[in-house]
Amino acid sequence: MKILQICNKPPYPAVDGGAIAMNNTTQGLLSKGHEVKVLAISTAKHPVNIEELPDHYLINTNFESVFIDTSVKLKDAFINLFSSKSYNIERFISDDFTKKLIETLEKEDFDIIIIESLFVAPYISAIKKISNAKIVLRAHNVEYKIWERISSNTKNPLKKTYLGLLAKRLKDYEIKTFEVLDGIVAMTEVDSKQFVKLGFNKFITSVPTGYIINELETKNVEVEKNSIFHIASMNWLPNVEGIKWFLNKVWKTVYLNSPNSKLYLAGRDMPQEFYDLKLDNVITVGEVESAKEFYLSKKIMIVPVLSGSGMRIKIIEGMALGKVIISTTIGAEGIQVTNNINILIADSPEEFAKAIIKCTNNEDFCNEIGLNAQKLIQEKYSNSNLSNRLISFFNSIQEN
């Protein structure tokens, strides 16, 4: 098959969960002998430096990108209030990107076009004017659910109302997009069922993001005892929301009961407020040079996600590297985990603190959870096996 992968941000280098998911799709399809062209949006938040991309990636993917200024502008956001359009989506619409897409489609024929996230769905109309390829949405989330959950967790009435409006408009746009899609590949079964509930009645499946397993990467790394860590892109509101909740409601209990523990906060675009923290044994690291090395050097990974949708790729990564994960139910949503076997689920501050303290006090228990987590990834989340499922789905769409 010849596949065009249209991405809302550069998949390579894979610096966050979304990029990892997209790049794993690319690499999985290439490894199975299919042709893949990657056309990506670059932004100030997710820039592209072609000179820094390896030659093998550029050659294998025929990678191209177009810059779009997706920054939030107060004037535009205010004017948007008086329309019925989703401001989240409108920020990704660009004449330059449309031109590049049309140029690509006029040069080459594709069998499948993957729309990576709802944010590039506005370009489907341009695709349909030129191409007969089947169009598949790779749904990283049910987008409106993220904003709906954030709104429900917000106390400020004005902010709550505005976030609710964003959620409603995103929901309306998601449902409208169903009409022009040939299929949806959701990240999780939970999201797949949600799309069906919303009215999607064509080809749909759920294929999670896999992990490209390297047996050597967990060897000979010294792990800091009683180290707790969080790593995520901190330009995503649910991550910021979750860490604030953890610091305000969980950390004090952990520190009082386990004073030798240290909490490390890592990730891209770390807000200044986290560098300004004056909390005992909390170290704000910010962006790290190697995420895997950071994972491997620490013991307990926390995922205190209170809102959001889709799949937390960082949980898959952490489990693959043998880390014990402590997550909320929402954080682990869509991943085939079992509480107290290969993960620890905690939804209240008390449960979260208790789980961490149990791990710091019982290293054998901690290690067992981590080993079981690693086995789960090896058995169910191999990128090669998941790529086969994706290809099978594409074949079924083409046959009809």
Protein backbone atom coordinates (compact mmCIF):
# COMPACT_ATOMS: atom_id res chain seq x y z
CA MET A 1 0.00 0.00 0.00
CA LYS A 2 0.96 3.61 -0.54
CA ILE A 3 0.03 5.71 2.47
CA LEU A 4 -0.02 9.46 3.13
CA GLN A 5 0.25 10.31 6.81
CA ILE A 6 -0.92 13.86 7.58
CA CYS A 7 0.23 14.94 11.02
CA ASN A 8 -0.79 17.85 13.24
CA LYS A 9 2.83 18.12 14.44
CA PRO A 10 6.17 16.58 13.47
CA PRO A 11 6.31 12.88 14.38
CA TYR A 12 10.10 12.94 14.45
CA PRO A 13 11.96 13.38 16.70
CA ALA A 14 9.41 11.63 18.92
CA VAL A 15 9.51 14.09 21.82
CA ASP A 16 6.04 13.54 23.32
CA GLY A 17 3.25 11.01 23.44
CA GLY A 18 1.52 12.21 20.27
CA ALA A 19 4.74 12.24 18.28
CA ILE A 20 5.68 8.79 19.59
CA ALA A 21 2.30 7.42 18.52
CA MET A 22 2.60 8.88 15.02
CA ASN A 23 6.21 7.80 14.56
CA ASN A 24 5.42 4.28 15.75
CA THR A 25 2.71 4.11 13.08
CA THR A 26 5.18 5.32 10.44
CA GLN A 27 7.92 2.90 11.46
CA GLY A 28 5.51 -0.02 11.81
CA LEU A 29 4.10 0.47 8.29
CA LEU A 30 7.56 0.92 6.78
CA SER A 31 8.82 -2.24 8.49
CA LYS A 32 6.00 -4.21 6.85
CA GLY A 33 7.05 -3.08 3.38
CA HIS A 34 4.52 -0.29 2.76
CA GLU A 35 5.33 3.15 1.36
CA VAL A 36 4.68 6.07 3.70
CA LYS A 37 4.90 9.78 2.99
CA VAL A 38 4.73 12.08 6.02
CA LEU A 39 3.31 15.58 5.62
CA ALA A 40 3.31 17.49 8.90
CA ILE A 41 2.27 20.80 10.34
CA SER A 42 5.06 22.57 12.20
CA THR A 43 4.33 25.24 14.79
CA ALA A 44 6.21 27.45 17.23
CA LYS A 45 5.43 24.87 19.90
CA HIS A 46 6.44 21.95 17.66
CA PRO A 47 9.04 23.27 15.19
CA VAL A 48 10.92 21.37 12.49
CA ASN A 49 14.62 21.72 11.72
CA ILE A 50 15.16 19.70 8.55
CA GLU A 51 18.94 19.86 8.96
CA GLU A 52 18.68 17.98 12.26
CA LEU A 53 16.54 15.13 10.90
CA PRO A 54 18.51 11.99 9.96
CA ASP A 55 18.89 11.22 6.27
CA HIS A 56 17.31 7.78 6.64
CA TYR A 57 14.12 9.31 8.04
CA LEU A 58 13.89 11.96 5.31
CA ILE A 59 14.48 9.37 2.57
CA ASN A 60 12.13 6.70 3.98
CA THR A 61 9.23 9.10 4.59
CA ASN A 62 9.81 11.77 1.92
CA PHE A 63 9.10 14.09 4.85
CA GLU A 64 7.75 17.59 4.26
CA SER A 65 6.27 20.19 6.59
CA VAL A 66 4.51 23.55 6.48
CA PHE A 67 4.62 26.09 9.30
CA ILE A 68 1.31 27.30 10.75
CA ASP A 69 1.01 29.88 13.49
CA THR A 70 -1.38 28.06 15.85
CA SER A 71 -0.77 30.34 18.82
CA VAL A 72 -3.83 31.48 20.75
CA LYS A 73 -4.64 35.11 19.92
CA LEU A 74 -7.01 36.87 22.31
CA LYS A 75 -8.61 38.98 19.57
CA ASP A 76 -9.29 35.95 17.37
CA ALA A 77 -10.54 33.92 20.33
CA PHE A 78 -12.92 36.72 21.29
CA ILE A 79 -14.27 37.13 17.74
CA ASN A 80 -14.68 33.36 17.52
CA LEU A 81 -17.11 33.49 20.45
CA PHE A 82 -19.66 35.06 18.12
CA SER A 83 -19.45 32.24 15.57
CA SER A 84 -20.39 28.58 15.78
CA LYS A 85 -16.91 27.33 14.82
CA SER A 86 -14.39 25.54 17.03
CA TYR A 87 -11.45 27.82 17.79
CA ASN A 88 -9.35 24.73 18.62
CA ILE A 89 -9.76 23.58 15.01
CA GLU A 90 -9.69 26.98 13.27
CA ARG A 91 -6.11 27.61 14.46
CA PHE A 92 -4.86 24.72 12.29
CA ILE A 93 -6.35 25.92 8.99
CA SER A 94 -3.81 27.32 6.52
CA ASP A 95 -3.83 28.19 2.82
CA ASP A 96 -0.13 27.28 2.60
CA PHE A 97 -0.74 23.81 4.00
CA THR A 98 -3.69 23.32 1.65
CA LYS A 99 -1.46 24.22 -1.31
CA LYS A 100 1.25 21.78 -0.23
CA LEU A 101 -1.34 19.03 0.25
CA ILE A 102 -2.86 19.61 -3.19
CA GLU A 103 0.62 19.64 -4.75
CA THR A 104 1.36 16.29 -3.07
CA LEU A 105 -1.90 14.69 -4.20
CA GLU A 106 -1.45 15.89 -7.78
CA LYS A 107 2.01 14.27 -7.91
CA GLU A 108 1.18 10.92 -6.30
CA ASP A 109 -1.70 8.49 -5.86
CA PHE A 110 -2.32 6.99 -2.43
CA ASP A 111 -4.35 4.03 -1.25
CA ILE A 112 -4.87 5.25 2.32
CA ILE A 113 -4.63 8.73 3.81
CA ILE A 114 -4.21 8.80 7.59
CA ILE A 115 -5.52 11.92 9.30
CA GLU A 116 -3.54 12.10 12.53
CA SER A 117 -5.98 13.74 14.96
CA LEU A 118 -9.07 15.85 14.44
CA PHE A 119 -6.96 18.99 14.00
CA VAL A 120 -6.06 18.11 10.39
CA ALA A 121 -9.61 17.07 9.48
CA PRO A 122 -10.34 20.49 7.86
CA TYR A 123 -8.15 19.36 4.93
CA ILE A 124 -10.39 16.40 4.05
CA SER A 125 -12.46 18.54 1.67
CA ALA A 126 -9.32 19.38 -0.34
CA ILE A 127 -8.31 15.71 -0.38
CA LYS A 128 -11.65 14.54 -1.74
CA LYS A 129 -11.49 16.95 -4.69
CA ILE A 130 -8.34 15.23 -5.98
CA SER A 131 -7.89 11.80 -4.44
CA ASN A 132 -9.91 8.58 -4.31
CA ALA A 133 -7.87 7.28 -1.37
CA LYS A 134 -9.68 5.96 1.69
CA ILE A 135 -9.49 8.50 4.51
CA VAL A 136 -8.91 7.15 8.02
CA LEU A 137 -8.86 9.22 11.19
CA ARG A 138 -6.23 8.07 13.66
CA ALA A 139 -8.04 9.34 16.75
CA HIS A 140 -5.54 9.99 19.52
CA ASN A 141 -8.41 11.11 21.77
CA VAL A 142 -12.09 11.86 21.74
CA GLU A 143 -11.09 15.51 21.63
CA TYR A 144 -14.17 17.09 23.15
CA LYS A 145 -13.95 14.75 26.17
CA ILE A 146 -10.68 16.37 27.25
CA TRP A 147 -12.23 19.83 27.46
CA GLU A 148 -15.46 18.50 28.93
CA ARG A 149 -13.53 16.88 31.79
CA ILE A 150 -11.35 19.95 32.33
CA SER A 151 -14.48 22.09 32.45
CA SER A 152 -16.07 19.79 35.05
CA ASN A 153 -12.94 20.12 37.23
CA THR A 154 -12.86 23.94 36.98
CA LYS A 155 -14.29 26.03 39.80
CA ASN A 156 -14.12 29.52 38.23
CA PRO A 157 -17.63 29.95 36.72
CA LEU A 158 -16.53 32.09 33.74
CA LYS A 159 -13.67 29.75 32.86
CA LYS A 160 -15.94 26.75 33.36
CA THR A 161 -18.49 28.22 30.93
CA TYR A 162 -15.84 29.01 28.30
CA LEU A 163 -14.26 25.55 28.52
CA GLY A 164 -17.71 24.02 28.25
CA LEU A 165 -18.29 26.03 25.07
CA LEU A 166 -15.00 24.77 23.60
CA ALA A 167 -16.03 21.21 24.44
CA LYS A 168 -19.46 21.57 22.81
CA ARG A 169 -18.06 23.04 19.60
CA LEU A 170 -15.39 20.34 19.39
CA LYS A 171 -18.06 17.69 19.89
CA ASP A 172 -20.18 19.18 17.11
CA TYR A 173 -17.16 19.26 14.80
CA GLU A 174 -16.17 15.67 15.62
CA ILE A 175 -19.66 14.42 14.80
CA LYS A 176 -19.76 16.46 11.57
CA THR A 177 -16.41 14.97 10.51
CA PHE A 178 -17.88 11.45 10.65
CA GLU A 179 -19.64 12.15 7.32
CA VAL A 180 -16.38 12.47 5.34
CA LEU A 181 -14.38 9.62 6.89
CA ASP A 182 -14.07 6.08 5.60
CA GLY A 183 -12.85 4.74 8.92
CA ILE A 184 -11.59 5.50 12.41
CA VAL A 185 -8.70 3.88 14.25
CA ALA A 186 -9.08 4.85 17.91
CA MET A 187 -6.29 4.49 20.44
CA THR A 188 -8.50 2.67 22.93
CA GLU A 189 -11.62 0.52 23.03
CA VAL A 190 -13.15 3.13 25.34
CA ASP A 191 -12.77 5.80 22.66
CA SER A 192 -13.96 3.46 19.91
CA LYS A 193 -17.20 2.81 21.80
CA GLN A 194 -17.60 6.54 22.38
CA PHE A 195 -17.38 7.26 18.62
CA VAL A 196 -20.03 4.61 17.93
CA LYS A 197 -22.21 6.13 20.64
CA LEU A 198 -21.83 9.52 18.95
CA GLY A 199 -23.14 8.02 15.71
CA PHE A 200 -20.19 6.77 13.68
CA ASN A 201 -21.43 3.70 11.77
CA LYS A 202 -18.65 2.92 9.27
CA PHE A 203 -15.40 0.98 9.69
CA ILE A 204 -13.97 1.44 13.16
CA THR A 205 -11.46 -0.35 15.33
CA SER A 206 -9.11 0.33 18.23
CA VAL A 207 -5.37 -0.16 17.88
CA PRO A 208 -3.24 1.18 20.74
CA THR A 209 0.21 2.65 20.33
CA GLY A 210 2.84 -0.01 20.58
CA TYR A 211 6.37 0.04 21.88
CA ILE A 212 9.48 -0.75 19.87
CA ILE A 213 11.19 -3.05 22.34
CA ASN A 214 14.96 -3.02 22.80
CA GLU A 215 16.07 -5.77 25.14
CA LEU A 216 19.35 -4.00 25.95
CA GLU A 217 18.00 -0.67 27.08
CA THR A 218 17.16 -1.73 30.64
CA LYS A 219 20.58 -3.19 31.43
CA ASN A 220 23.25 -1.76 33.77
CA VAL A 221 21.45 1.39 34.86
CA GLU A 222 21.61 2.48 38.48
CA VAL A 223 18.19 3.32 39.88
CA GLU A 224 17.86 5.96 42.60
CA LYS A 225 16.12 4.49 45.63
CA ASN A 226 12.80 6.08 46.69
CA SER A 227 12.79 8.29 43.60
CA ILE A 228 9.38 9.32 42.29
CA PHE A 229 9.00 10.99 38.91
CA HIS A 230 6.61 12.56 36.49
CA ILE A 231 7.56 13.14 32.86
CA ALA A 232 5.23 14.65 30.28
CA SER A 233 4.79 17.54 27.90
CA MET A 234 3.78 20.36 30.19
CA ASN A 235 2.12 22.38 27.46
CA TRP A 236 -0.87 20.03 27.72
CA LEU A 237 -3.40 21.30 30.25
CA PRO A 238 -4.37 17.90 31.78
CA ASN A 239 -0.70 17.29 32.71
CA VAL A 240 -0.41 20.65 34.46
CA GLU A 241 -3.76 20.13 36.18
CA GLY A 242 -2.72 16.68 37.42
CA ILE A 243 0.63 17.78 38.86
CA LYS A 244 -0.92 20.74 40.66
CA TRP A 245 -3.43 18.34 42.24
CA PHE A 246 -0.62 15.98 43.25
CA LEU A 247 1.53 18.74 44.78
CA ASN A 248 -1.37 20.34 46.62
CA LYS A 249 -3.09 17.20 47.90
CA VAL A 250 -0.69 14.25 47.86
CA TRP A 251 2.95 15.21 48.23
CA LYS A 252 2.83 16.46 51.84
CA THR A 253 1.48 13.08 53.05
CA VAL A 254 4.13 11.20 51.06
CA TYR A 255 6.97 13.34 52.39
CA LEU A 256 5.81 13.09 56.03
CA ASN A 257 5.64 9.29 55.83
CA SER A 258 8.63 8.76 53.56
CA PRO A 259 11.04 11.68 54.17
CA ASN A 260 13.82 10.08 52.10
CA SER A 261 11.69 10.18 48.96
CA LYS A 262 12.37 12.68 46.21
CA LEU A 263 9.98 13.85 43.52
CA TYR A 264 11.35 14.78 40.09
CA LEU A 265 9.27 16.81 37.63
CA ALA A 266 10.45 16.54 34.02
CA GLY A 267 9.11 17.43 30.61
CA ARG A 268 9.09 19.92 27.78
CA ASP A 269 7.67 23.44 28.21
CA MET A 270 7.71 23.29 32.00
CA PRO A 271 5.83 26.34 33.38
CA GLN A 272 7.91 28.71 35.47
CA GLU A 273 5.66 28.20 38.48
CA PHE A 274 7.09 24.68 38.89
CA TYR A 275 10.65 25.99 38.90
CA ASP A 276 9.59 28.47 41.61
CA LEU A 277 8.27 25.74 43.93
CA LYS A 278 9.64 25.67 47.45
CA LEU A 279 8.56 22.21 48.52
CA ASP A 280 10.73 19.75 50.40
CA ASN A 281 12.45 17.18 48.17
CA VAL A 282 10.71 18.34 44.97
CA ILE A 283 13.16 18.85 42.11
CA THR A 284 11.98 20.44 38.86
CA VAL A 285 14.16 19.12 36.06
CA GLY A 286 12.34 20.41 32.98
CA GLU A 287 13.23 18.98 29.57
CA VAL A 288 15.67 16.07 29.69
CA GLU A 289 18.17 15.15 27.00
CA SER A 290 17.17 11.47 27.00
CA ALA A 291 13.72 10.50 28.24
CA LYS A 292 14.66 6.80 28.40
CA GLU A 293 17.74 7.44 30.52
CA PHE A 294 15.62 9.55 32.86
CA TYR A 295 12.98 6.81 33.11
CA LEU A 296 15.60 4.18 33.83
CA SER A 297 17.34 6.16 36.57
CA LYS A 298 14.16 6.54 38.64
CA LYS A 299 11.91 4.06 40.47
CA ILE A 300 8.25 5.10 40.77
CA MET A 301 6.35 6.83 37.98
CA ILE A 302 3.24 8.87 38.75
CA VAL A 303 0.46 9.69 36.26
CA PRO A 304 -2.06 11.84 38.17
CA VAL A 305 -4.30 12.63 35.18
CA LEU A 306 -7.72 13.96 36.15
CA SER A 307 -9.02 14.81 32.67
CA GLY A 308 -8.18 13.82 29.12
CA SER A 309 -9.00 11.05 26.70
CA GLY A 310 -7.14 8.55 24.59
CA MET A 311 -4.06 6.71 25.76
CA ARG A 312 -1.12 7.85 27.89
CA ILE A 313 1.89 6.77 25.83
CA LYS A 314 4.17 7.55 28.77
CA ILE A 315 2.53 4.69 30.71
CA ILE A 316 3.37 2.27 27.89
CA GLU A 317 6.95 3.57 27.86
CA GLY A 318 7.30 3.35 31.63
CA MET A 319 5.89 -0.17 31.78
CA ALA A 320 8.15 -1.32 28.93
CA LEU A 321 11.13 -0.11 30.96
CA GLY A 322 10.01 -1.98 34.09
CA LYS A 323 8.81 1.00 36.10
CA VAL A 324 6.07 0.73 38.70
CA ILE A 325 3.28 3.07 37.57
CA ILE A 326 0.84 4.76 39.93
CA SER A 327 -2.00 6.30 37.95
CA THR A 328 -5.55 7.51 38.22
CA THR A 329 -8.26 5.50 36.46
CA ILE A 330 -8.49 8.19 33.76
CA GLY A 331 -4.72 8.14 33.33
CA ALA A 332 -4.67 4.39 32.67
CA GLU A 333 -7.85 4.47 30.58
CA GLY A 334 -7.73 2.20 27.55
CA ILE A 335 -4.63 0.25 28.60
CA GLN A 336 -5.19 -3.42 29.50
CA VAL A 337 -3.78 -3.16 33.01
CA THR A 338 -4.76 -4.93 36.22
CA ASN A 339 -4.63 -3.02 39.49
CA ASN A 340 -2.11 -4.36 42.03
CA ILE A 341 -0.69 -6.76 39.40
CA ASN A 342 1.02 -4.60 36.77
CA ILE A 343 -0.02 -1.11 37.86
CA LEU A 344 -1.36 0.71 40.92
CA ILE A 345 -4.59 2.67 40.45
CA ALA A 346 -5.35 5.53 42.84
CA ASP A 347 -8.07 8.15 42.37
CA SER A 348 -8.11 10.03 45.67
CA PRO A 349 -5.23 11.88 47.35
CA GLU A 350 -5.30 9.33 50.17
CA GLU A 351 -5.12 6.36 47.79
CA PHE A 352 -2.33 7.96 45.79
CA ALA A 353 -0.18 8.71 48.84
CA LYS A 354 -0.81 5.24 50.27
CA ALA A 355 0.28 3.58 47.01
CA ILE A 356 3.52 5.57 46.87
CA ILE A 357 4.35 4.89 50.51
CA LYS A 358 3.73 1.18 50.03
CA CYS A 359 6.22 1.17 47.14
CA THR A 360 8.89 3.10 49.03
CA ASN A 361 8.52 0.76 52.03
CA ASN A 362 8.41 -2.51 50.07
CA GLU A 363 11.01 -2.77 47.31
CA ASP A 364 10.10 -6.38 46.47
CA PHE A 365 6.47 -5.41 45.86
CA CYS A 366 7.62 -2.46 43.77
CA ASN A 367 9.90 -4.65 41.64
CA GLU A 368 7.20 -7.27 41.11
CA ILE A 369 4.74 -4.68 39.77
CA GLY A 370 7.43 -3.36 37.43
CA LEU A 371 8.33 -6.81 36.08
CA ASN A 372 4.67 -7.67 35.50
CA ALA A 373 4.24 -4.36 33.68
CA GLN A 374 7.16 -5.18 31.41
CA LYS A 375 5.68 -8.60 30.60
CA LEU A 376 2.34 -6.98 29.67
CA ILE A 377 4.02 -4.70 27.13
CA GLN A 378 5.99 -7.57 25.61
CA GLU A 379 2.86 -9.71 25.26
CA LYS A 380 0.27 -7.14 24.13
CA TYR A 381 1.93 -3.93 22.98
CA SER A 382 4.62 -4.96 20.52
CA ASN A 383 4.65 -2.33 17.76
CA SER A 384 5.17 -5.03 15.13
CA ASN A 385 2.03 -6.95 16.13
CA LEU A 386 -0.07 -3.80 16.41
CA SER A 387 1.12 -2.68 12.96
CA ASN A 388 -0.27 -5.94 11.55
CA ARG A 389 -3.66 -5.12 13.06
CA LEU A 390 -3.57 -1.63 11.52
CA ILE A 391 -2.68 -2.99 8.08
CA SER A 392 -5.46 -5.60 8.30
CA PHE A 393 -7.93 -2.79 9.05
CA PHE A 394 -6.70 -0.77 6.06
CA ASN A 395 -7.11 -3.84 3.83
CA SER A 396 -10.68 -4.38 5.00
CA ILE A 397 -11.57 -0.76 4.15
CA GLN A 398 -10.05 -1.03 0.68
CA GLU A 399 -11.97 -4.21 -0.09
CA ASN A 400 -15.31 -2.42 0.43
